[in-house]
Each structure stands twice: as C-alpha cells, then as structure tokens.
Amino acid sequence: MKKIPRLKELKAHLEIWLAKFKGLFEITPSSCLIYVGVEEKKGFPIGIEQELREYLGNN
C-alpha cells in the first residue's frame, strides 16, 4: 500500500480551515482564507502535491 507522508499534516491544516470557515469566515464574508493555519503553525504542507500525484499515479 502506498503512503502519503504529509497526509496527516494536510488533514490538520484542513481541519483548521474548516473550523475557521464555520466559526469566522461564514459569518464574515469580507474575510479572506489565504493565511489559514499560519498562526497555528499548521500551514499547507510543502510537497503534498507531489506526494498526492505519486499516490494517484499521475506523475
């Protein structure tokens, strides 16, 4: 079975994104989602795109 090393990091980032979306951005349409996860030190994992390509077989 293939593994995606940064998948856990991606999940953490997306959980923060969803929590901020539901708790802040959904009720404040003027807000922006660009920097989600920076304050929490859970930014979008660098290199995850290539890992996903390899996992999906789309090099």
PDB file of N, CA and C in Angstrom:
ATOM      1  N   MET A   1       0.843  -1.190   0.000  1.00  0.00           N
ATOM      2  CA  MET A   1       0.000   0.000   0.000  1.00  0.00           C
ATOM      3  C   MET A   1       0.887   1.253   0.000  1.00  0.00           C
ATOM      4  N   LYS A   2       0.576   2.172  -0.884  1.00  0.00           N
ATOM      5  CA  LYS A   2       1.319   3.424  -0.965  1.00  0.00           C
ATOM      6  C   LYS A   2       0.975   4.309   0.229  1.00  0.00           C
ATOM      7  N   LYS A   3       1.937   5.128   0.637  1.00  0.00           N
ATOM      8  CA  LYS A   3       1.711   6.054   1.744  1.00  0.00           C
ATOM      9  C   LYS A   3       1.889   7.484   1.251  1.00  0.00           C
ATOM     10  N   ILE A   4       1.209   8.382   1.907  1.00  0.00           N
ATOM     11  CA  ILE A   4       1.343   9.813   1.634  1.00  0.00           C
ATOM     12  C   ILE A   4       1.909  10.420   2.918  1.00  0.00           C
ATOM     13  N   PRO A   5       3.227  10.656   2.969  1.00  0.00           N
ATOM     14  CA  PRO A   5       3.877  11.093   4.205  1.00  0.00           C
ATOM     15  C   PRO A   5       3.262  12.335   4.860  1.00  0.00           C
ATOM     16  N   ARG A   6       2.845  13.286   4.087  1.00  0.00           N
ATOM     17  CA  ARG A   6       2.346  14.543   4.661  1.00  0.00           C
ATOM     18  C   ARG A   6       0.819  14.577   4.796  1.00  0.00           C
ATOM     19  N   LEU A   7       0.163  13.447   4.644  1.00  0.00           N
ATOM     20  CA  LEU A   7      -1.296  13.414   4.712  1.00  0.00           C
ATOM     21  C   LEU A   7      -1.821  13.872   6.073  1.00  0.00           C
ATOM     22  N   LYS A   8      -1.137  13.502   7.141  1.00  0.00           N
ATOM     23  CA  LYS A   8      -1.549  13.915   8.485  1.00  0.00           C
ATOM     24  C   LYS A   8      -1.464  15.438   8.625  1.00  0.00           C
ATOM     25  N   GLU A   9      -0.413  16.020   8.049  1.00  0.00           N
ATOM     26  CA  GLU A   9      -0.251  17.481   8.081  1.00  0.00           C
ATOM     27  C   GLU A   9      -1.358  18.161   7.291  1.00  0.00           C
ATOM     28  N   LEU A  10      -1.705  17.596   6.140  1.00  0.00           N
ATOM     29  CA  LEU A  10      -2.780  18.155   5.321  1.00  0.00           C
ATOM     30  C   LEU A  10      -4.104  18.092   6.066  1.00  0.00           C
ATOM     31  N   LYS A  11      -4.371  16.983   6.713  1.00  0.00           N
ATOM     32  CA  LYS A  11      -5.614  16.835   7.483  1.00  0.00           C
ATOM     33  C   LYS A  11      -5.691  17.900   8.576  1.00  0.00           C
ATOM     34  N   ALA A  12      -4.597  18.121   9.300  1.00  0.00           N
ATOM     35  CA  ALA A  12      -4.579  19.135  10.361  1.00  0.00           C
ATOM     36  C   ALA A  12      -4.848  20.523   9.783  1.00  0.00           C
ATOM     37  N   HIS A  13      -4.230  20.837   8.649  1.00  0.00           N
ATOM     38  CA  HIS A  13      -4.427  22.131   8.003  1.00  0.00           C
ATOM     39  C   HIS A  13      -5.889  22.309   7.592  1.00  0.00           C
ATOM     40  N   LEU A  14      -6.466  21.284   7.000  1.00  0.00           N
ATOM     41  CA  LEU A  14      -7.851  21.375   6.531  1.00  0.00           C
ATOM     42  C   LEU A  14      -8.848  21.430   7.683  1.00  0.00           C
ATOM     43  N   GLU A  15      -8.540  20.790   8.800  1.00  0.00           N
ATOM     44  CA  GLU A  15      -9.409  20.890   9.974  1.00  0.00           C
ATOM     45  C   GLU A  15      -9.438  22.318  10.503  1.00  0.00           C
ATOM     46  N   ILE A  16      -8.278  22.976  10.522  1.00  0.00           N
ATOM     47  CA  ILE A  16      -8.219  24.380  10.944  1.00  0.00           C
ATOM     48  C   ILE A  16      -8.987  25.250   9.960  1.00  0.00           C
ATOM     49  N   TRP A  17      -8.807  25.002   8.667  1.00  0.00           N
ATOM     50  CA  TRP A  17      -9.506  25.761   7.630  1.00  0.00           C
ATOM     51  C   TRP A  17     -11.010  25.656   7.830  1.00  0.00           C
ATOM     52  N   LEU A  18     -11.503  24.440   8.031  1.00  0.00           N
ATOM     53  CA  LEU A  18     -12.935  24.230   8.189  1.00  0.00           C
ATOM     54  C   LEU A  18     -13.457  24.903   9.458  1.00  0.00           C
ATOM     55  N   ALA A  19     -12.721  24.792  10.550  1.00  0.00           N
ATOM     56  CA  ALA A  19     -13.143  25.426  11.797  1.00  0.00           C
ATOM     57  C   ALA A  19     -13.206  26.944  11.647  1.00  0.00           C
ATOM     58  N   LYS A  20     -12.205  27.526  10.991  1.00  0.00           N
ATOM     59  CA  LYS A  20     -12.223  28.979  10.777  1.00  0.00           C
ATOM     60  C   LYS A  20     -13.334  29.375   9.811  1.00  0.00           C
ATOM     61  N   PHE A  21     -13.563  28.568   8.806  1.00  0.00           N
ATOM     62  CA  PHE A  21     -14.634  28.870   7.858  1.00  0.00           C
ATOM     63  C   PHE A  21     -15.974  28.902   8.565  1.00  0.00           C
ATOM     64  N   LYS A  22     -16.242  27.857   9.333  1.00  0.00           N
ATOM     65  CA  LYS A  22     -17.539  27.765  10.017  1.00  0.00           C
ATOM     66  C   LYS A  22     -17.677  28.779  11.142  1.00  0.00           C
ATOM     67  N   GLY A  23     -16.582  29.054  11.847  1.00  0.00           N
ATOM     68  CA  GLY A  23     -16.659  29.926  13.013  1.00  0.00           C
ATOM     69  C   GLY A  23     -16.443  31.399  12.743  1.00  0.00           C
ATOM     70  N   LEU A  24     -15.817  31.726  11.626  1.00  0.00           N
ATOM     71  CA  LEU A  24     -15.489  33.129  11.367  1.00  0.00           C
ATOM     72  C   LEU A  24     -15.868  33.563   9.955  1.00  0.00           C
ATOM     73  N   PHE A  25     -15.336  32.893   8.976  1.00  0.00           N
ATOM     74  CA  PHE A  25     -15.494  33.343   7.596  1.00  0.00           C
ATOM     75  C   PHE A  25     -16.926  33.220   7.091  1.00  0.00           C
ATOM     76  N   GLU A  26     -17.650  32.216   7.553  1.00  0.00           N
ATOM     77  CA  GLU A  26     -19.033  32.029   7.117  1.00  0.00           C
ATOM     78  C   GLU A  26     -19.917  33.189   7.566  1.00  0.00           C
ATOM     79  N   ILE A  27     -19.592  33.757   8.732  1.00  0.00           N
ATOM     80  CA  ILE A  27     -20.402  34.873   9.242  1.00  0.00           C
ATOM     81  C   ILE A  27     -19.791  36.230   8.920  1.00  0.00           C
ATOM     82  N   THR A  28     -18.586  36.247   8.351  1.00  0.00           N
ATOM     83  CA  THR A  28     -17.908  37.488   7.984  1.00  0.00           C
ATOM     84  C   THR A  28     -17.434  37.368   6.534  1.00  0.00           C
ATOM     85  N   PRO A  29     -18.323  37.608   5.572  1.00  0.00           N
ATOM     86  CA  PRO A  29     -17.979  37.393   4.161  1.00  0.00           C
ATOM     87  C   PRO A  29     -16.789  38.199   3.657  1.00  0.00           C
ATOM     88  N   SER A  30     -16.436  39.283   4.331  1.00  0.00           N
ATOM     89  CA  SER A  30     -15.313  40.099   3.869  1.00  0.00           C
ATOM     90  C   SER A  30     -13.963  39.504   4.261  1.00  0.00           C
ATOM     91  N   SER A  31     -13.969  38.449   5.042  1.00  0.00           N
ATOM     92  CA  SER A  31     -12.717  37.808   5.463  1.00  0.00           C
ATOM     93  C   SER A  31     -12.101  37.022   4.317  1.00  0.00           C
ATOM     94  N   CYS A  32     -10.822  36.730   4.473  1.00  0.00           N
ATOM     95  CA  CYS A  32     -10.078  36.016   3.443  1.00  0.00           C
ATOM     96  C   CYS A  32      -9.466  34.745   4.032  1.00  0.00           C
ATOM     97  N   LEU A  33      -9.303  33.712   3.224  1.00  0.00           N
ATOM     98  CA  LEU A  33      -8.778  32.430   3.688  1.00  0.00           C
ATOM     99  C   LEU A  33      -7.320  32.193   3.322  1.00  0.00           C
ATOM    100  N   ILE A  34      -6.639  33.182   2.833  1.00  0.00           N
ATOM    101  CA  ILE A  34      -5.284  32.998   2.318  1.00  0.00           C
ATOM    102  C   ILE A  34      -4.318  32.468   3.367  1.00  0.00           C
ATOM    103  N   TYR A  35      -4.348  32.979   4.573  1.00  0.00           N
ATOM    104  CA  TYR A  35      -3.330  32.643   5.569  1.00  0.00           C
ATOM    105  C   TYR A  35      -3.808  31.668   6.643  1.00  0.00           C
ATOM    106  N   VAL A  36      -4.763  30.848   6.343  1.00  0.00           N
ATOM    107  CA  VAL A  36      -5.275  29.890   7.312  1.00  0.00           C
ATOM    108  C   VAL A  36      -4.177  28.923   7.730  1.00  0.00           C
ATOM    109  N   GLY A  37      -4.014  28.748   9.028  1.00  0.00           N
ATOM    110  CA  GLY A  37      -3.048  27.794   9.559  1.00  0.00           C
ATOM    111  C   GLY A  37      -1.698  28.389   9.911  1.00  0.00           C
ATOM    112  N   VAL A  38      -1.433  29.603   9.504  1.00  0.00           N
ATOM    113  CA  VAL A  38      -0.125  30.210   9.768  1.00  0.00           C
ATOM    114  C   VAL A  38       0.060  30.441  11.271  1.00  0.00           C
ATOM    115  N   GLU A  39      -0.926  31.051  11.915  1.00  0.00           N
ATOM    116  CA  GLU A  39      -0.831  31.326  13.346  1.00  0.00           C
ATOM    117  C   GLU A  39      -0.719  30.040  14.160  1.00  0.00           C
ATOM    118  N   GLU A  40      -1.371  28.989  13.698  1.00  0.00           N
ATOM    119  CA  GLU A  40      -1.378  27.709  14.405  1.00  0.00           C
ATOM    120  C   GLU A  40      -0.172  26.848  14.064  1.00  0.00           C
ATOM    121  N   LYS A  41       0.681  27.352  13.172  1.00  0.00           N
ATOM    122  CA  LYS A  41       1.843  26.600  12.681  1.00  0.00           C
ATOM    123  C   LYS A  41       1.425  25.288  12.020  1.00  0.00           C
ATOM    124  N   LYS A  42       0.300  25.359  11.296  1.00  0.00           N
ATOM    125  CA  LYS A  42      -0.232  24.214  10.549  1.00  0.00           C
ATOM    126  C   LYS A  42      -0.547  24.669   9.125  1.00  0.00           C
ATOM    127  N   GLY A  43       0.433  25.271   8.480  1.00  0.00           N
ATOM    128  CA  GLY A  43       0.244  25.742   7.118  1.00  0.00           C
ATOM    129  C   GLY A  43       0.085  24.588   6.142  1.00  0.00           C
ATOM    130  N   PHE A  44      -0.227  24.915   4.912  1.00  0.00           N
ATOM    131  CA  PHE A  44      -0.391  23.887   3.886  1.00  0.00           C
ATOM    132  C   PHE A  44       0.938  23.170   3.718  1.00  0.00           C
ATOM    133  N   PRO A  45       0.956  21.851   3.840  1.00  0.00           N
ATOM    134  CA  PRO A  45       2.221  21.106   3.815  1.00  0.00           C
ATOM    135  C   PRO A  45       2.951  21.199   2.478  1.00  0.00           C
ATOM    136  N   ILE A  46       4.172  21.656   2.542  1.00  0.00           N
ATOM    137  CA  ILE A  46       5.000  21.772   1.347  1.00  0.00           C
ATOM    138  C   ILE A  46       5.336  20.375   0.840  1.00  0.00           C
ATOM    139  N   GLY A  47       5.117  20.149  -0.433  1.00  0.00           N
ATOM    140  CA  GLY A  47       5.438  18.866  -1.044  1.00  0.00           C
ATOM    141  C   GLY A  47       4.264  17.912  -1.143  1.00  0.00           C
ATOM    142  N   ILE A  48       3.128  18.242  -0.531  1.00  0.00           N
ATOM    143  CA  ILE A  48       1.980  17.328  -0.551  1.00  0.00           C
ATOM    144  C   ILE A  48       1.454  17.112  -1.969  1.00  0.00           C
ATOM    145  N   GLU A  49       1.562  18.123  -2.821  1.00  0.00           N
ATOM    146  CA  GLU A  49       1.048  17.976  -4.185  1.00  0.00           C
ATOM    147  C   GLU A  49       1.739  16.830  -4.919  1.00  0.00           C
ATOM    148  N   GLN A  50       3.065  16.775  -4.821  1.00  0.00           N
ATOM    149  CA  GLN A  50       3.814  15.705  -5.486  1.00  0.00           C
ATOM    150  C   GLN A  50       3.497  14.345  -4.867  1.00  0.00           C
ATOM    151  N   GLU A  51       3.372  14.312  -3.553  1.00  0.00           N
ATOM    152  CA  GLU A  51       3.025  13.055  -2.896  1.00  0.00           C
ATOM    153  C   GLU A  51       1.668  12.546  -3.363  1.00  0.00           C
ATOM    154  N   LEU A  52       0.710  13.448  -3.515  1.00  0.00           N
ATOM    155  CA  LEU A  52      -0.612  13.051  -3.999  1.00  0.00           C
ATOM    156  C   LEU A  52      -0.558  12.596  -5.451  1.00  0.00           C
ATOM    157  N   ARG A  53       0.225  13.292  -6.281  1.00  0.00           N
ATOM    158  CA  ARG A  53       0.376  12.862  -7.689  1.00  0.00           C
ATOM    159  C   ARG A  53       0.924  11.444  -7.761  1.00  0.00           C
ATOM    160  N   GLU A  54       1.965  11.190  -6.970  1.00  0.00           N
ATOM    161  CA  GLU A  54       2.572   9.858  -6.974  1.00  0.00           C
ATOM    162  C   GLU A  54       1.593   8.813  -6.461  1.00  0.00           C
ATOM    163  N   TYR A  55       0.841   9.147  -5.424  1.00  0.00           N
ATOM    164  CA  TYR A  55      -0.135   8.215  -4.859  1.00  0.00           C
ATOM    165  C   TYR A  55      -1.214   7.879  -5.888  1.00  0.00           C
ATOM    166  N   LEU A  56      -1.637   8.918  -6.617  1.00  0.00           N
ATOM    167  CA  LEU A  56      -2.696   8.721  -7.606  1.00  0.00           C
ATOM    168  C   LEU A  56      -2.172   8.199  -8.945  1.00  0.00           C
ATOM    169  N   GLY A  57      -0.848   8.147  -9.076  1.00  0.00           N
ATOM    170  CA  GLY A  57      -0.265   7.634 -10.310  1.00  0.00           C
ATOM    171  C   GLY A  57      -0.237   8.635 -11.457  1.00  0.00           C
ATOM    172  N   ASN A  58      -0.246   9.917 -11.118  1.00  0.00           N
ATOM    173  CA  ASN A  58      -0.240  10.983 -12.129  1.00  0.00           C
ATOM    174  C   ASN A  58       1.052  11.791 -12.035  1.00  0.00           C
ATOM    175  N   ASN A  59       2.172  11.170 -12.278  1.00  0.00           N
ATOM    176  CA  ASN A  59       3.458  11.866 -12.157  1.00  0.00           C
ATOM    177  C   ASN A  59       3.460  12.964 -13.148  1.00  0.00           C
TER     178      ASN A  59
END
